[in-house]
Amino acid sequence: MNAARWLEGLMQTISKLEGFAGYGPAPESEMLGCELRQIVFKSHRILYTVDANSRKILVHYVRHGARRGITELPGGLSDQG
């Protein structure tokens, strides 16, 4: 039951993007060179992009907030110097 409620809440959060897709940029956005955005649901980050031409939102992944960012190297070092 808990997993089903969690998943339902996640889907409701993603559904909010339809009305307002301009949530904050993800920290990885600059390094990846794209407008990767994020919205937080409980302890997870939902990372997505918006295609303005087709007016579609593409959810790339849902990632636990405690995990290293996709641009971080092991040991907490950033590959940006």
N, C-alpha and C. Protein backbone atom coordinates (compact mmCIF):
# COMPACT_ATOMS: atom_id res chain seq x y z
N MET A 1 0.82 -1.20 0.00
CA MET A 1 0.00 0.00 0.00
C MET A 1 0.87 1.26 0.00
N ASN A 2 1.94 1.24 0.80
CA ASN A 2 2.79 2.43 0.86
C ASN A 2 3.41 2.73 -0.49
N ALA A 3 3.88 1.70 -1.18
CA ALA A 3 4.49 1.91 -2.50
C ALA A 3 3.48 2.45 -3.49
N ALA A 4 2.26 1.96 -3.43
CA ALA A 4 1.21 2.44 -4.34
C ALA A 4 0.89 3.91 -4.07
N ARG A 5 0.83 4.29 -2.79
CA ARG A 5 0.57 5.70 -2.45
C ARG A 5 1.73 6.59 -2.89
N TRP A 6 2.96 6.09 -2.69
CA TRP A 6 4.14 6.86 -3.09
C TRP A 6 4.12 7.09 -4.61
N LEU A 7 3.85 6.03 -5.36
CA LEU A 7 3.81 6.14 -6.81
C LEU A 7 2.70 7.07 -7.27
N GLU A 8 1.56 7.01 -6.64
CA GLU A 8 0.46 7.91 -6.98
C GLU A 8 0.86 9.36 -6.73
N GLY A 9 1.52 9.62 -5.62
CA GLY A 9 1.99 10.97 -5.32
C GLY A 9 3.02 11.45 -6.32
N LEU A 10 3.91 10.56 -6.72
CA LEU A 10 4.92 10.89 -7.73
C LEU A 10 4.24 11.28 -9.04
N MET A 11 3.26 10.49 -9.47
CA MET A 11 2.56 10.78 -10.72
C MET A 11 1.77 12.09 -10.64
N GLN A 12 1.21 12.40 -9.49
CA GLN A 12 0.50 13.67 -9.31
C GLN A 12 1.47 14.84 -9.42
N THR A 13 2.66 14.68 -8.86
CA THR A 13 3.67 15.73 -8.94
C THR A 13 4.09 15.94 -10.38
N ILE A 14 4.31 14.87 -11.12
CA ILE A 14 4.67 14.98 -12.53
C ILE A 14 3.54 15.63 -13.31
N SER A 15 2.31 15.33 -12.97
CA SER A 15 1.16 15.92 -13.66
C SER A 15 1.12 17.43 -13.50
N LYS A 16 1.65 17.95 -12.38
CA LYS A 16 1.68 19.40 -12.16
C LYS A 16 2.51 20.12 -13.21
N LEU A 17 3.44 19.40 -13.83
CA LEU A 17 4.31 20.01 -14.83
C LEU A 17 3.51 20.50 -16.03
N GLU A 18 2.36 19.89 -16.29
CA GLU A 18 1.54 20.30 -17.43
C GLU A 18 1.11 21.76 -17.29
N GLY A 19 0.79 22.18 -16.09
CA GLY A 19 0.35 23.55 -15.86
C GLY A 19 1.49 24.53 -15.68
N PHE A 20 2.62 24.06 -15.18
CA PHE A 20 3.77 24.92 -14.95
C PHE A 20 5.04 24.10 -15.01
N ALA A 21 5.69 24.14 -16.16
CA ALA A 21 6.89 23.32 -16.37
C ALA A 21 8.16 24.09 -16.04
N GLY A 22 8.05 25.30 -15.54
CA GLY A 22 9.22 26.13 -15.32
C GLY A 22 9.83 26.04 -13.94
N TYR A 23 9.81 24.88 -13.33
CA TYR A 23 10.45 24.73 -12.03
C TYR A 23 11.95 24.95 -12.18
N GLY A 24 12.65 24.96 -11.08
CA GLY A 24 14.06 25.33 -11.05
C GLY A 24 14.98 24.48 -11.90
N PRO A 25 16.05 25.10 -12.38
CA PRO A 25 17.03 24.34 -13.15
C PRO A 25 17.76 23.35 -12.25
N ALA A 26 18.09 22.20 -12.81
CA ALA A 26 18.85 21.19 -12.08
C ALA A 26 20.31 21.60 -12.06
N PRO A 27 21.05 21.28 -11.00
CA PRO A 27 22.47 21.64 -10.92
C PRO A 27 23.28 21.11 -12.10
N GLU A 28 22.87 19.99 -12.67
CA GLU A 28 23.60 19.38 -13.79
C GLU A 28 23.40 20.14 -15.10
N SER A 29 22.44 21.03 -15.15
CA SER A 29 22.04 21.69 -16.38
C SER A 29 23.19 22.39 -17.09
N GLU A 30 23.95 23.17 -16.36
CA GLU A 30 25.05 23.94 -16.98
C GLU A 30 26.11 23.03 -17.60
N MET A 31 26.52 22.02 -16.86
CA MET A 31 27.57 21.13 -17.37
C MET A 31 27.10 20.33 -18.59
N LEU A 32 25.83 19.91 -18.57
CA LEU A 32 25.30 19.12 -19.67
C LEU A 32 24.96 19.97 -20.89
N GLY A 33 24.87 21.28 -20.69
CA GLY A 33 24.59 22.18 -21.81
C GLY A 33 23.16 22.11 -22.31
N CYS A 34 22.24 21.80 -21.41
CA CYS A 34 20.83 21.78 -21.79
C CYS A 34 20.02 22.36 -20.64
N GLU A 35 18.77 22.63 -20.90
CA GLU A 35 17.91 23.21 -19.87
C GLU A 35 17.23 22.10 -19.07
N LEU A 36 18.04 21.33 -18.36
CA LEU A 36 17.52 20.27 -17.49
C LEU A 36 16.90 20.94 -16.27
N ARG A 37 15.68 20.59 -15.97
CA ARG A 37 14.97 21.17 -14.83
C ARG A 37 14.65 20.08 -13.82
N GLN A 38 14.26 20.52 -12.63
CA GLN A 38 13.91 19.56 -11.60
C GLN A 38 12.75 20.04 -10.76
N ILE A 39 12.03 19.08 -10.25
CA ILE A 39 11.00 19.31 -9.25
C ILE A 39 11.23 18.24 -8.18
N VAL A 40 11.01 18.58 -6.95
CA VAL A 40 11.27 17.64 -5.85
C VAL A 40 9.96 17.01 -5.39
N PHE A 41 10.00 15.71 -5.20
CA PHE A 41 8.88 14.96 -4.62
C PHE A 41 9.44 14.16 -3.45
N LYS A 42 9.04 14.53 -2.27
CA LYS A 42 9.53 13.91 -1.04
C LYS A 42 11.06 13.90 -1.04
N SER A 43 11.68 12.74 -1.06
CA SER A 43 13.15 12.67 -1.01
C SER A 43 13.76 12.45 -2.40
N HIS A 44 12.97 12.65 -3.45
CA HIS A 44 13.44 12.38 -4.81
C HIS A 44 13.39 13.64 -5.68
N ARG A 45 14.28 13.68 -6.66
CA ARG A 45 14.28 14.74 -7.66
C ARG A 45 13.77 14.16 -8.96
N ILE A 46 12.88 14.86 -9.60
CA ILE A 46 12.38 14.48 -10.91
C ILE A 46 13.06 15.40 -11.90
N LEU A 47 13.88 14.84 -12.79
CA LEU A 47 14.64 15.64 -13.75
C LEU A 47 14.02 15.51 -15.13
N TYR A 48 13.81 16.67 -15.77
CA TYR A 48 13.09 16.68 -17.03
C TYR A 48 13.54 17.85 -17.90
N THR A 49 13.16 17.79 -19.17
CA THR A 49 13.36 18.90 -20.10
C THR A 49 12.02 19.22 -20.74
N VAL A 50 11.94 20.43 -21.28
CA VAL A 50 10.73 20.89 -21.96
C VAL A 50 11.09 21.17 -23.41
N ASP A 51 10.35 20.55 -24.33
CA ASP A 51 10.51 20.82 -25.75
C ASP A 51 9.47 21.87 -26.12
N ALA A 52 9.91 23.11 -26.28
CA ALA A 52 8.99 24.22 -26.54
C ALA A 52 8.28 24.07 -27.87
N ASN A 53 8.96 23.49 -28.85
CA ASN A 53 8.35 23.35 -30.18
C ASN A 53 7.15 22.40 -30.16
N SER A 54 7.33 21.25 -29.55
CA SER A 54 6.25 20.26 -29.52
C SER A 54 5.38 20.39 -28.27
N ARG A 55 5.80 21.28 -27.36
CA ARG A 55 5.10 21.49 -26.09
C ARG A 55 4.98 20.20 -25.29
N LYS A 56 6.08 19.44 -25.28
CA LYS A 56 6.12 18.18 -24.53
C LYS A 56 7.15 18.27 -23.41
N ILE A 57 6.88 17.54 -22.37
CA ILE A 57 7.78 17.43 -21.23
C ILE A 57 8.34 16.01 -21.24
N LEU A 58 9.65 15.91 -21.18
CA LEU A 58 10.30 14.61 -21.17
C LEU A 58 10.95 14.40 -19.80
N VAL A 59 10.43 13.45 -19.04
CA VAL A 59 11.02 13.11 -17.75
C VAL A 59 12.16 12.14 -18.03
N HIS A 60 13.38 12.55 -17.66
CA HIS A 60 14.55 11.73 -17.93
C HIS A 60 14.76 10.68 -16.84
N TYR A 61 14.62 11.09 -15.60
CA TYR A 61 14.73 10.11 -14.52
C TYR A 61 14.26 10.69 -13.20
N VAL A 62 13.98 9.79 -12.28
CA VAL A 62 13.63 10.13 -10.91
C VAL A 62 14.79 9.61 -10.08
N ARG A 63 15.38 10.49 -9.31
CA ARG A 63 16.62 10.15 -8.61
C ARG A 63 16.48 10.53 -7.12
N HIS A 64 16.91 9.63 -6.25
CA HIS A 64 16.87 9.92 -4.82
C HIS A 64 17.80 11.09 -4.52
N GLY A 65 17.35 12.00 -3.70
CA GLY A 65 18.11 13.21 -3.40
C GLY A 65 19.44 12.96 -2.72
N ALA A 66 19.61 11.83 -2.04
CA ALA A 66 20.86 11.53 -1.35
C ALA A 66 21.94 11.02 -2.30
N ARG A 67 21.55 10.65 -3.51
CA ARG A 67 22.54 10.15 -4.47
C ARG A 67 23.34 11.31 -5.05
N ARG A 68 24.58 11.01 -5.41
CA ARG A 68 25.42 12.02 -6.04
C ARG A 68 24.76 12.48 -7.34
N GLY A 69 25.01 13.73 -7.69
CA GLY A 69 24.52 14.23 -8.96
C GLY A 69 25.21 13.52 -10.11
N ILE A 70 24.62 13.55 -11.27
CA ILE A 70 25.19 12.82 -12.39
C ILE A 70 26.50 13.42 -12.88
N THR A 71 26.81 14.63 -12.44
CA THR A 71 28.07 15.26 -12.84
C THR A 71 29.16 15.12 -11.79
N GLU A 72 28.89 14.44 -10.69
CA GLU A 72 29.87 14.30 -9.62
C GLU A 72 30.66 13.02 -9.77
N LEU A 73 31.92 13.11 -9.45
CA LEU A 73 32.80 11.95 -9.47
C LEU A 73 32.82 11.31 -8.09
N PRO A 74 33.20 10.04 -7.97
CA PRO A 74 33.29 9.41 -6.64
C PRO A 74 34.22 10.22 -5.72
N GLY A 75 33.90 10.21 -4.46
CA GLY A 75 34.69 10.93 -3.48
C GLY A 75 34.22 12.37 -3.29
N GLY A 76 33.11 12.74 -3.94
CA GLY A 76 32.56 14.07 -3.76
C GLY A 76 33.23 15.14 -4.62
N LEU A 77 34.13 14.76 -5.51
CA LEU A 77 34.80 15.73 -6.37
C LEU A 77 33.94 16.02 -7.58
N SER A 78 33.95 17.24 -8.00
CA SER A 78 33.22 17.61 -9.21
C SER A 78 34.19 17.61 -10.38
N ASP A 79 33.73 17.20 -11.54
CA ASP A 79 34.62 17.20 -12.70
C ASP A 79 34.72 18.58 -13.33
N GLN A 80 34.20 19.60 -12.66
CA GLN A 80 34.31 20.97 -13.16
C GLN A 80 35.50 21.69 -12.53
N GLY A 81 36.30 20.99 -11.78
CA GLY A 81 37.50 21.61 -11.24
C GLY A 81 37.41 21.80 -9.78
